[in-house]
Amino acid sequence: MSLTIRDYIKRELKEKDQQAALAYVDFLEEKNLEIRKDNGDYWKDNIYYWIVYKDKCVAFIAIKDPSEPDTDWTVYSDDINDKYLLEEYVTEEEKKTAFEHIDSCRCGGGPKKMFGEDVEWCCGTNFRFNVPTMEDLPFMKKRVLLKMMEIEEKLK
């Protein structure tokens, strides 16, 4: 029997990090998102999950990524159009959290508008939460809902 994401969280994460990880997974399941283990060639030996809604990527979760030994778990968001990050959807507190987690790696991406502001460089994943905390969850959850809204609108 293969391990579930919950099994990996309980086995691989420090107790203090499990609360946020399990709360995030609870939220994803409540919203009926698929949490799909990536067993492709590149990730097959790692603990890497796709978060999927209507067969479209919403986010990724990496647990104990060997390429990042100092980070026990990371949540990456998939690209989202700036129109979903405007004040009618995102509170100032959520925006503050989001700006702390803009993924500015140089592996892809480029200049982008985020929250109506120009960002010099943003990875295609947009946001990267290394070892997210309970304080990060409100924006992480909101971002998932906004990505679901974007997917719904694209499917119309």
C-alpha atoms as a PDB file:
ATOM      1  CA  MET A   1       0.000   0.000   0.000  1.00  0.00           C
ATOM      2  CA  SER A   2       1.393   3.392  -0.953  1.00  0.00           C
ATOM      3  CA  LEU A   3       1.710   6.237   1.501  1.00  0.00           C
ATOM      4  CA  THR A   4      -0.654   9.202   1.380  1.00  0.00           C
ATOM      5  CA  ILE A   5       0.346  12.835   1.711  1.00  0.00           C
ATOM      6  CA  ARG A   6      -0.860  12.699   5.321  1.00  0.00           C
ATOM      7  CA  ASP A   7       1.425   9.729   5.975  1.00  0.00           C
ATOM      8  CA  TYR A   8       4.396  11.649   4.571  1.00  0.00           C
ATOM      9  CA  ILE A   9       3.525  14.750   6.599  1.00  0.00           C
ATOM     10  CA  LYS A  10       3.391  12.732   9.817  1.00  0.00           C
ATOM     11  CA  ARG A  11       6.526  10.767   8.978  1.00  0.00           C
ATOM     12  CA  GLU A  12       8.749  13.489   7.498  1.00  0.00           C
ATOM     13  CA  LEU A  13       7.818  16.818   9.108  1.00  0.00           C
ATOM     14  CA  LYS A  14       8.643  18.121  12.533  1.00  0.00           C
ATOM     15  CA  GLU A  15       5.671  18.083  14.869  1.00  0.00           C
ATOM     16  CA  LYS A  16       5.510  21.897  14.904  1.00  0.00           C
ATOM     17  CA  ASP A  17       5.167  21.940  11.079  1.00  0.00           C
ATOM     18  CA  GLN A  18       2.567  19.196  10.861  1.00  0.00           C
ATOM     19  CA  GLN A  19      -0.297  21.407  12.064  1.00  0.00           C
ATOM     20  CA  ALA A  20      -0.074  23.830   9.128  1.00  0.00           C
ATOM     21  CA  ALA A  21       0.583  21.045   6.607  1.00  0.00           C
ATOM     22  CA  LEU A  22      -2.391  18.991   7.760  1.00  0.00           C
ATOM     23  CA  ALA A  23      -4.653  22.056   7.921  1.00  0.00           C
ATOM     24  CA  TYR A  24      -3.707  22.907   4.330  1.00  0.00           C
ATOM     25  CA  VAL A  25      -4.418  19.341   3.180  1.00  0.00           C
ATOM     26  CA  ASP A  26      -7.761  19.405   5.053  1.00  0.00           C
ATOM     27  CA  PHE A  27      -8.684  22.584   3.184  1.00  0.00           C
ATOM     28  CA  LEU A  28      -7.692  21.121  -0.189  1.00  0.00           C
ATOM     29  CA  GLU A  29      -9.768  18.017   0.460  1.00  0.00           C
ATOM     30  CA  GLU A  30     -12.763  20.077   1.653  1.00  0.00           C
ATOM     31  CA  LYS A  31     -12.634  21.906  -1.688  1.00  0.00           C
ATOM     32  CA  ASN A  32     -12.507  18.564  -3.547  1.00  0.00           C
ATOM     33  CA  LEU A  33      -9.113  19.192  -5.088  1.00  0.00           C
ATOM     34  CA  GLU A  34      -7.153  16.176  -6.223  1.00  0.00           C
ATOM     35  CA  ILE A  35      -3.853  15.671  -4.396  1.00  0.00           C
ATOM     36  CA  ARG A  36      -1.881  13.662  -6.941  1.00  0.00           C
ATOM     37  CA  LYS A  37       1.559  12.142  -6.221  1.00  0.00           C
ATOM     38  CA  ASP A  38       3.947  12.855  -9.072  1.00  0.00           C
ATOM     39  CA  ASN A  39       5.569   9.583 -10.088  1.00  0.00           C
ATOM     40  CA  GLY A  40       7.034  10.931 -13.325  1.00  0.00           C
ATOM     41  CA  ASP A  41      10.689  10.325 -14.135  1.00  0.00           C
ATOM     42  CA  TYR A  42      11.981  13.528 -12.545  1.00  0.00           C
ATOM     43  CA  TRP A  43       9.998  13.355  -9.279  1.00  0.00           C
ATOM     44  CA  LYS A  44       9.387   9.609  -8.848  1.00  0.00           C
ATOM     45  CA  ASP A  45      11.930   9.256  -6.048  1.00  0.00           C
ATOM     46  CA  ASN A  46      10.770  12.405  -4.254  1.00  0.00           C
ATOM     47  CA  ILE A  47       7.713  13.361  -2.221  1.00  0.00           C
ATOM     48  CA  TYR A  48       6.091  15.750  -4.655  1.00  0.00           C
ATOM     49  CA  TYR A  49       2.370  16.324  -5.109  1.00  0.00           C
ATOM     50  CA  TRP A  50       0.308  18.183  -7.685  1.00  0.00           C
ATOM     51  CA  ILE A  51      -2.825  19.946  -6.431  1.00  0.00           C
ATOM     52  CA  VAL A  52      -5.330  19.671  -9.266  1.00  0.00           C
ATOM     53  CA  TYR A  53      -8.765  21.164  -9.964  1.00  0.00           C
ATOM     54  CA  LYS A  54     -10.714  20.110 -13.057  1.00  0.00           C
ATOM     55  CA  ASP A  55      -7.525  18.575 -14.440  1.00  0.00           C
ATOM     56  CA  LYS A  56      -5.646  21.913 -14.132  1.00  0.00           C
ATOM     57  CA  CYS A  57      -2.740  22.588 -11.789  1.00  0.00           C
ATOM     58  CA  VAL A  58      -3.437  24.830  -8.800  1.00  0.00           C
ATOM     59  CA  ALA A  59      -0.307  24.295  -6.692  1.00  0.00           C
ATOM     60  CA  PHE A  60       2.492  21.870  -5.837  1.00  0.00           C
ATOM     61  CA  ILE A  61       3.705  20.487  -2.531  1.00  0.00           C
ATOM     62  CA  ALA A  62       7.239  19.198  -2.029  1.00  0.00           C
ATOM     63  CA  ILE A  63       8.196  17.361   1.169  1.00  0.00           C
ATOM     64  CA  LYS A  64      11.874  16.791   2.011  1.00  0.00           C
ATOM     65  CA  ASP A  65      13.051  17.796  -1.463  1.00  0.00           C
ATOM     66  CA  PRO A  66      16.671  16.536  -1.607  1.00  0.00           C
ATOM     67  CA  SER A  67      17.662  19.590  -3.681  1.00  0.00           C
ATOM     68  CA  GLU A  68      16.637  21.792  -0.735  1.00  0.00           C
ATOM     69  CA  PRO A  69      17.920  20.059   2.403  1.00  0.00           C
ATOM     70  CA  ASP A  70      17.212  23.054   4.667  1.00  0.00           C
ATOM     71  CA  THR A  71      13.504  23.161   3.797  1.00  0.00           C
ATOM     72  CA  ASP A  72      11.274  20.362   5.095  1.00  0.00           C
ATOM     73  CA  TRP A  73       8.278  21.262   2.945  1.00  0.00           C
ATOM     74  CA  THR A  74       7.356  23.848   0.358  1.00  0.00           C
ATOM     75  CA  VAL A  75       4.129  24.915  -1.306  1.00  0.00           C
ATOM     76  CA  TYR A  76       4.466  26.435  -4.773  1.00  0.00           C
ATOM     77  CA  SER A  77       1.515  28.099  -6.451  1.00  0.00           C
ATOM     78  CA  ASP A  78       0.841  27.856 -10.151  1.00  0.00           C
ATOM     79  CA  ASP A  79       0.743  31.042 -12.222  1.00  0.00           C
ATOM     80  CA  ILE A  80      -2.329  33.233 -11.698  1.00  0.00           C
ATOM     81  CA  ASN A  81      -3.542  36.256 -13.628  1.00  0.00           C
ATOM     82  CA  ASP A  82      -3.092  39.522 -11.748  1.00  0.00           C
ATOM     83  CA  LYS A  83      -6.792  40.377 -12.057  1.00  0.00           C
ATOM     84  CA  TYR A  84      -7.466  37.753  -9.357  1.00  0.00           C
ATOM     85  CA  LEU A  85      -5.003  39.410  -6.985  1.00  0.00           C
ATOM     86  CA  LEU A  86      -6.731  42.772  -6.790  1.00  0.00           C
ATOM     87  CA  GLU A  87      -8.215  44.280  -3.652  1.00  0.00           C
ATOM     88  CA  GLU A  88     -11.741  43.105  -4.353  1.00  0.00           C
ATOM     89  CA  TYR A  89     -10.483  39.580  -3.674  1.00  0.00           C
ATOM     90  CA  VAL A  90      -7.423  39.953  -1.401  1.00  0.00           C
ATOM     91  CA  THR A  91      -7.233  41.760   1.935  1.00  0.00           C
ATOM     92  CA  GLU A  92      -4.282  43.970   2.868  1.00  0.00           C
ATOM     93  CA  GLU A  93      -3.110  41.387   5.403  1.00  0.00           C
ATOM     94  CA  GLU A  94      -3.218  38.621   2.764  1.00  0.00           C
ATOM     95  CA  LYS A  95      -1.384  40.893   0.323  1.00  0.00           C
ATOM     96  CA  LYS A  96       1.334  41.501   2.919  1.00  0.00           C
ATOM     97  CA  THR A  97       1.782  37.747   3.383  1.00  0.00           C
ATOM     98  CA  ALA A  98       1.814  37.222  -0.372  1.00  0.00           C
ATOM     99  CA  PHE A  99       4.545  39.799  -1.005  1.00  0.00           C
ATOM    100  CA  GLU A 100       6.738  38.016   1.545  1.00  0.00           C
ATOM    101  CA  HIS A 101       6.467  34.866  -0.571  1.00  0.00           C
ATOM    102  CA  ILE A 102       6.779  36.019  -4.189  1.00  0.00           C
ATOM    103  CA  ASP A 103       8.985  33.461  -5.888  1.00  0.00           C
ATOM    104  CA  SER A 104      11.778  35.445  -7.514  1.00  0.00           C
ATOM    105  CA  CYS A 105      13.962  32.518  -8.580  1.00  0.00           C
ATOM    106  CA  ARG A 106      15.542  32.850 -12.008  1.00  0.00           C
ATOM    107  CA  CYS A 107      14.621  29.397 -13.323  1.00  0.00           C
ATOM    108  CA  GLY A 108      11.774  30.807 -15.369  1.00  0.00           C
ATOM    109  CA  GLY A 109       9.298  33.643 -15.407  1.00  0.00           C
ATOM    110  CA  GLY A 110      10.146  37.314 -15.751  1.00  0.00           C
ATOM    111  CA  PRO A 111       8.622  40.719 -15.011  1.00  0.00           C
ATOM    112  CA  LYS A 112       4.990  40.428 -13.879  1.00  0.00           C
ATOM    113  CA  LYS A 113       2.155  42.435 -12.418  1.00  0.00           C
ATOM    114  CA  MET A 114       1.224  41.320  -8.926  1.00  0.00           C
ATOM    115  CA  PHE A 115      -1.555  43.047  -6.997  1.00  0.00           C
ATOM    116  CA  GLY A 116      -1.550  45.758  -9.662  1.00  0.00           C
ATOM    117  CA  GLU A 117       2.139  46.508  -9.070  1.00  0.00           C
ATOM    118  CA  ASP A 118       5.097  45.738 -11.304  1.00  0.00           C
ATOM    119  CA  VAL A 119       7.389  43.057  -9.897  1.00  0.00           C
ATOM    120  CA  GLU A 120      10.880  43.013 -11.389  1.00  0.00           C
ATOM    121  CA  TRP A 121      11.064  39.222 -11.533  1.00  0.00           C
ATOM    122  CA  CYS A 122       8.598  36.494 -10.704  1.00  0.00           C
ATOM    123  CA  CYS A 123       8.930  32.774 -11.307  1.00  0.00           C
ATOM    124  CA  GLY A 124       6.137  31.014 -13.150  1.00  0.00           C
ATOM    125  CA  THR A 125       5.039  29.550  -9.835  1.00  0.00           C
ATOM    126  CA  ASN A 126       4.403  33.112  -8.518  1.00  0.00           C
ATOM    127  CA  PHE A 127       4.423  32.226  -4.810  1.00  0.00           C
ATOM    128  CA  ARG A 128       6.701  29.945  -2.828  1.00  0.00           C
ATOM    129  CA  PHE A 129       6.014  29.134   0.826  1.00  0.00           C
ATOM    130  CA  ASN A 130       9.006  27.447   2.464  1.00  0.00           C
ATOM    131  CA  VAL A 131       7.847  25.701   5.628  1.00  0.00           C
ATOM    132  CA  PRO A 132       4.487  27.517   5.733  1.00  0.00           C
ATOM    133  CA  THR A 133       3.026  28.445   9.101  1.00  0.00           C
ATOM    134  CA  MET A 134      -0.540  28.774  10.324  1.00  0.00           C
ATOM    135  CA  GLU A 135      -0.166  32.533   9.715  1.00  0.00           C
ATOM    136  CA  ASP A 136       0.521  31.856   6.014  1.00  0.00           C
ATOM    137  CA  LEU A 137      -2.584  29.710   5.541  1.00  0.00           C
ATOM    138  CA  PRO A 138      -5.202  32.447   5.017  1.00  0.00           C
ATOM    139  CA  PHE A 139      -3.487  33.709   1.863  1.00  0.00           C
ATOM    140  CA  MET A 140      -2.514  30.206   0.728  1.00  0.00           C
ATOM    141  CA  LYS A 141      -6.161  29.156   0.955  1.00  0.00           C
ATOM    142  CA  LYS A 142      -7.383  32.356  -0.714  1.00  0.00           C
ATOM    143  CA  ARG A 143      -4.913  31.838  -3.564  1.00  0.00           C
ATOM    144  CA  VAL A 144      -6.262  28.336  -4.131  1.00  0.00           C
ATOM    145  CA  LEU A 145      -9.834  29.683  -4.278  1.00  0.00           C
ATOM    146  CA  LEU A 146      -8.793  32.423  -6.699  1.00  0.00           C
ATOM    147  CA  LYS A 147      -7.001  29.908  -8.939  1.00  0.00           C
ATOM    148  CA  MET A 148     -10.135  27.752  -8.912  1.00  0.00           C
ATOM    149  CA  MET A 149     -12.130  30.840  -9.953  1.00  0.00           C
ATOM    150  CA  GLU A 150      -9.666  31.498 -12.783  1.00  0.00           C
ATOM    151  CA  ILE A 151      -9.946  27.893 -13.975  1.00  0.00           C
ATOM    152  CA  GLU A 152     -13.761  28.044 -13.859  1.00  0.00           C
ATOM    153  CA  GLU A 153     -13.777  31.246 -15.944  1.00  0.00           C
ATOM    154  CA  LYS A 154     -11.385  29.756 -18.522  1.00  0.00           C
ATOM    155  CA  LEU A 155     -13.626  26.683 -18.885  1.00  0.00           C
ATOM    156  CA  LYS A 156     -16.735  28.743 -19.694  1.00  0.00           C
END
